[in-house]
Amino acid sequence: MFQPASDIIKTAVSEVYLSQENIVVAKIFPKVVQTIESAQANIHAAGSFSDISLPILVDLLEAEPLSAEVRRLYSGPLVDDNFSAVALLVTSSPFGQALGNFYIRIANKGTQKKLFIDRKAAFHWLTRLQ
């Protein structure tokens, strides 16, 4: 599950690859603060695997909090235009839940988005939507 079928693309704040199941996986690095530029690079890298919208799993387990402008970018049309569904993998801590729920609340239109604390559950949800 989630084995790379493509080369891994490394950006300043993440590594991104296409899984054998045709799901884009983006693992955000720990202790790295994202900027608008790095967020745009993440979206570009993740969207580069196909000409069609694919589902994406975003692993935020070790991610730092996002600024308001980066949250707006990730919740806007650029994500909706590039991905068919978004699964956010967060920690079960109150902070992780708050971070994920906040994103889901502001990104409530367009592409289907869902919060997960379990990688397998996120994978199954994304594969069902294909």
C-alpha atoms as a PDB file:
ATOM      1  CA  MET A   1       0.000   0.000   0.000  1.00  0.00           C
ATOM      2  CA  PHE A   2       1.322   3.403  -1.056  1.00  0.00           C
ATOM      3  CA  GLN A   3       4.447   1.964  -2.643  1.00  0.00           C
ATOM      4  CA  PRO A   4       5.981   4.441  -5.098  1.00  0.00           C
ATOM      5  CA  ALA A   5       5.303   3.760  -8.765  1.00  0.00           C
ATOM      6  CA  SER A   6       7.194   6.899  -9.767  1.00  0.00           C
ATOM      7  CA  ASP A   7      10.332   8.717  -8.816  1.00  0.00           C
ATOM      8  CA  ILE A   8      10.063  10.653  -5.579  1.00  0.00           C
ATOM      9  CA  ILE A   9      10.030  14.406  -6.097  1.00  0.00           C
ATOM     10  CA  LYS A  10      11.573  16.349  -3.234  1.00  0.00           C
ATOM     11  CA  THR A  11      10.562  19.948  -2.667  1.00  0.00           C
ATOM     12  CA  ALA A  12      11.798  22.277   0.061  1.00  0.00           C
ATOM     13  CA  VAL A  13       9.142  21.004   2.476  1.00  0.00           C
ATOM     14  CA  SER A  14       7.975  17.599   1.246  1.00  0.00           C
ATOM     15  CA  GLU A  15       8.483  14.489  -0.781  1.00  0.00           C
ATOM     16  CA  VAL A  16       5.838  13.589  -3.325  1.00  0.00           C
ATOM     17  CA  TYR A  17       5.264  10.457  -5.389  1.00  0.00           C
ATOM     18  CA  LEU A  18       2.626   8.554  -7.300  1.00  0.00           C
ATOM     19  CA  SER A  19       1.695   5.270  -5.643  1.00  0.00           C
ATOM     20  CA  GLN A  20       1.108   1.992  -7.463  1.00  0.00           C
ATOM     21  CA  GLU A  21      -2.597   2.552  -6.755  1.00  0.00           C
ATOM     22  CA  ASN A  22      -2.527   5.810  -8.747  1.00  0.00           C
ATOM     23  CA  ILE A  23      -2.788   7.973  -5.641  1.00  0.00           C
ATOM     24  CA  VAL A  24      -0.492  10.943  -5.164  1.00  0.00           C
ATOM     25  CA  VAL A  25       1.221  10.881  -1.765  1.00  0.00           C
ATOM     26  CA  ALA A  26       2.741  14.020  -0.233  1.00  0.00           C
ATOM     27  CA  LYS A  27       4.717  13.654   3.001  1.00  0.00           C
ATOM     28  CA  ILE A  28       5.381  16.998   4.652  1.00  0.00           C
ATOM     29  CA  PHE A  29       8.771  17.176   6.364  1.00  0.00           C
ATOM     30  CA  PRO A  30       8.985  17.874  10.112  1.00  0.00           C
ATOM     31  CA  LYS A  31      10.172  21.196  11.498  1.00  0.00           C
ATOM     32  CA  VAL A  32       9.806  23.044   8.185  1.00  0.00           C
ATOM     33  CA  VAL A  33       7.728  26.190   7.824  1.00  0.00           C
ATOM     34  CA  GLN A  34       5.847  26.391   4.534  1.00  0.00           C
ATOM     35  CA  THR A  35       5.716  29.599   2.521  1.00  0.00           C
ATOM     36  CA  ILE A  36       3.466  30.503  -0.395  1.00  0.00           C
ATOM     37  CA  GLU A  37       6.324  29.593  -2.744  1.00  0.00           C
ATOM     38  CA  SER A  38       6.946  26.192  -1.150  1.00  0.00           C
ATOM     39  CA  ALA A  39       3.210  25.447  -1.068  1.00  0.00           C
ATOM     40  CA  GLN A  40       2.938  26.297  -4.768  1.00  0.00           C
ATOM     41  CA  ALA A  41       5.922  24.016  -5.457  1.00  0.00           C
ATOM     42  CA  ASN A  42       4.192  21.198  -3.529  1.00  0.00           C
ATOM     43  CA  ILE A  43       0.993  21.564  -5.534  1.00  0.00           C
ATOM     44  CA  HIS A  44       2.938  21.728  -8.804  1.00  0.00           C
ATOM     45  CA  ALA A  45       4.997  18.629  -7.914  1.00  0.00           C
ATOM     46  CA  ALA A  46       1.939  16.670  -6.799  1.00  0.00           C
ATOM     47  CA  GLY A  47      -0.019  17.659  -9.888  1.00  0.00           C
ATOM     48  CA  SER A  48       2.796  16.738 -12.270  1.00  0.00           C
ATOM     49  CA  PHE A  49       2.093  12.993 -12.318  1.00  0.00           C
ATOM     50  CA  SER A  50      -0.907  13.100 -14.640  1.00  0.00           C
ATOM     51  CA  ASP A  51      -2.922  15.262 -16.993  1.00  0.00           C
ATOM     52  CA  ILE A  52      -6.066  14.217 -15.119  1.00  0.00           C
ATOM     53  CA  SER A  53      -7.013  14.938 -11.521  1.00  0.00           C
ATOM     54  CA  LEU A  54      -5.889  12.190  -9.164  1.00  0.00           C
ATOM     55  CA  PRO A  55      -6.633  11.699  -5.475  1.00  0.00           C
ATOM     56  CA  ILE A  56      -3.958  12.812  -3.007  1.00  0.00           C
ATOM     57  CA  LEU A  57      -2.989  11.736   0.497  1.00  0.00           C
ATOM     58  CA  VAL A  58      -1.281  14.546   2.394  1.00  0.00           C
ATOM     59  CA  ASP A  59       0.694  13.245   5.379  1.00  0.00           C
ATOM     60  CA  LEU A  60       0.694  16.025   7.971  1.00  0.00           C
ATOM     61  CA  LEU A  61       1.756  13.813  10.884  1.00  0.00           C
ATOM     62  CA  GLU A  62       4.903  15.859  11.509  1.00  0.00           C
ATOM     63  CA  ALA A  63       3.940  19.114   9.797  1.00  0.00           C
ATOM     64  CA  GLU A  64       4.299  22.529  11.359  1.00  0.00           C
ATOM     65  CA  PRO A  65       1.249  24.831  11.559  1.00  0.00           C
ATOM     66  CA  LEU A  66       0.484  26.802   8.392  1.00  0.00           C
ATOM     67  CA  SER A  67       0.183  30.547   8.044  1.00  0.00           C
ATOM     68  CA  ALA A  68      -3.192  31.954   7.024  1.00  0.00           C
ATOM     69  CA  GLU A  69      -2.000  32.704   3.486  1.00  0.00           C
ATOM     70  CA  VAL A  70      -0.653  29.161   2.982  1.00  0.00           C
ATOM     71  CA  ARG A  71      -3.897  27.671   4.351  1.00  0.00           C
ATOM     72  CA  ARG A  72      -5.851  29.792   1.844  1.00  0.00           C
ATOM     73  CA  LEU A  73      -3.691  28.534  -1.014  1.00  0.00           C
ATOM     74  CA  TYR A  74      -4.130  24.895   0.028  1.00  0.00           C
ATOM     75  CA  SER A  75      -7.876  25.337   0.413  1.00  0.00           C
ATOM     76  CA  GLY A  76      -8.405  27.172  -2.861  1.00  0.00           C
ATOM     77  CA  PRO A  77      -9.083  26.411  -6.504  1.00  0.00           C
ATOM     78  CA  LEU A  78      -5.504  25.355  -7.267  1.00  0.00           C
ATOM     79  CA  VAL A  79      -6.030  22.207  -5.174  1.00  0.00           C
ATOM     80  CA  ASP A  80      -9.560  21.655  -6.487  1.00  0.00           C
ATOM     81  CA  ASP A  81      -8.317  21.950 -10.074  1.00  0.00           C
ATOM     82  CA  ASN A  82      -5.461  19.462  -9.600  1.00  0.00           C
ATOM     83  CA  PHE A  83      -6.890  16.713  -7.380  1.00  0.00           C
ATOM     84  CA  SER A  84     -10.044  14.597  -7.436  1.00  0.00           C
ATOM     85  CA  ALA A  85     -10.045  14.059  -3.632  1.00  0.00           C
ATOM     86  CA  VAL A  86      -7.872  15.045  -0.672  1.00  0.00           C
ATOM     87  CA  ALA A  87      -7.213  12.847   2.368  1.00  0.00           C
ATOM     88  CA  LEU A  88      -5.386  14.586   5.214  1.00  0.00           C
ATOM     89  CA  LEU A  89      -3.452  12.333   7.575  1.00  0.00           C
ATOM     90  CA  VAL A  90      -3.055  14.022  10.972  1.00  0.00           C
ATOM     91  CA  THR A  91      -2.102  12.977  14.485  1.00  0.00           C
ATOM     92  CA  SER A  92      -4.789  11.979  16.936  1.00  0.00           C
ATOM     93  CA  SER A  93      -3.618  14.749  19.280  1.00  0.00           C
ATOM     94  CA  PRO A  94      -5.936  17.696  19.916  1.00  0.00           C
ATOM     95  CA  PHE A  95      -3.521  19.899  17.940  1.00  0.00           C
ATOM     96  CA  GLY A  96      -3.493  17.562  14.924  1.00  0.00           C
ATOM     97  CA  GLN A  97      -7.265  17.284  14.964  1.00  0.00           C
ATOM     98  CA  ALA A  98      -7.683  21.045  15.257  1.00  0.00           C
ATOM     99  CA  LEU A  99      -5.261  21.646  12.378  1.00  0.00           C
ATOM    100  CA  GLY A 100      -7.060  19.173  10.124  1.00  0.00           C
ATOM    101  CA  ASN A 101     -10.559  20.247  11.077  1.00  0.00           C
ATOM    102  CA  PHE A 102      -9.683  23.884  10.475  1.00  0.00           C
ATOM    103  CA  TYR A 103      -8.466  23.039   6.972  1.00  0.00           C
ATOM    104  CA  ILE A 104     -11.580  20.988   6.208  1.00  0.00           C
ATOM    105  CA  ARG A 105     -13.816  23.799   7.472  1.00  0.00           C
ATOM    106  CA  ILE A 106     -12.263  26.472   5.244  1.00  0.00           C
ATOM    107  CA  ALA A 107     -11.895  24.133   2.246  1.00  0.00           C
ATOM    108  CA  ASN A 108     -15.530  23.087   2.208  1.00  0.00           C
ATOM    109  CA  LYS A 109     -16.172  23.426  -1.499  1.00  0.00           C
ATOM    110  CA  GLY A 110     -14.945  21.719  -4.646  1.00  0.00           C
ATOM    111  CA  THR A 111     -12.923  18.554  -4.241  1.00  0.00           C
ATOM    112  CA  GLN A 112     -13.958  16.031  -1.597  1.00  0.00           C
ATOM    113  CA  LYS A 113     -11.754  16.359   1.479  1.00  0.00           C
ATOM    114  CA  LYS A 114     -11.608  14.202   4.582  1.00  0.00           C
ATOM    115  CA  LEU A 115      -9.526  14.002   7.744  1.00  0.00           C
ATOM    116  CA  PHE A 116      -7.885  10.744   8.891  1.00  0.00           C
ATOM    117  CA  ILE A 117      -5.694   9.538  11.741  1.00  0.00           C
ATOM    118  CA  ASP A 118      -5.207   6.121  10.123  1.00  0.00           C
ATOM    119  CA  ARG A 119      -3.217   5.688   6.888  1.00  0.00           C
ATOM    120  CA  LYS A 120      -5.097   2.529   5.817  1.00  0.00           C
ATOM    121  CA  ALA A 121      -8.480   4.200   6.266  1.00  0.00           C
ATOM    122  CA  ALA A 122      -7.321   7.162   4.169  1.00  0.00           C
ATOM    123  CA  PHE A 123      -6.036   4.816   1.469  1.00  0.00           C
ATOM    124  CA  HIS A 124      -9.310   2.865   1.338  1.00  0.00           C
ATOM    125  CA  TRP A 125     -11.377   6.054   1.119  1.00  0.00           C
ATOM    126  CA  LEU A 126      -9.264   7.383  -1.753  1.00  0.00           C
ATOM    127  CA  THR A 127      -9.309   4.095  -3.687  1.00  0.00           C
ATOM    128  CA  ARG A 128     -13.113   3.868  -3.336  1.00  0.00           C
ATOM    129  CA  LEU A 129     -13.456   7.302  -4.926  1.00  0.00           C
ATOM    130  CA  GLN A 130     -11.463   6.376  -8.056  1.00  0.00           C
END
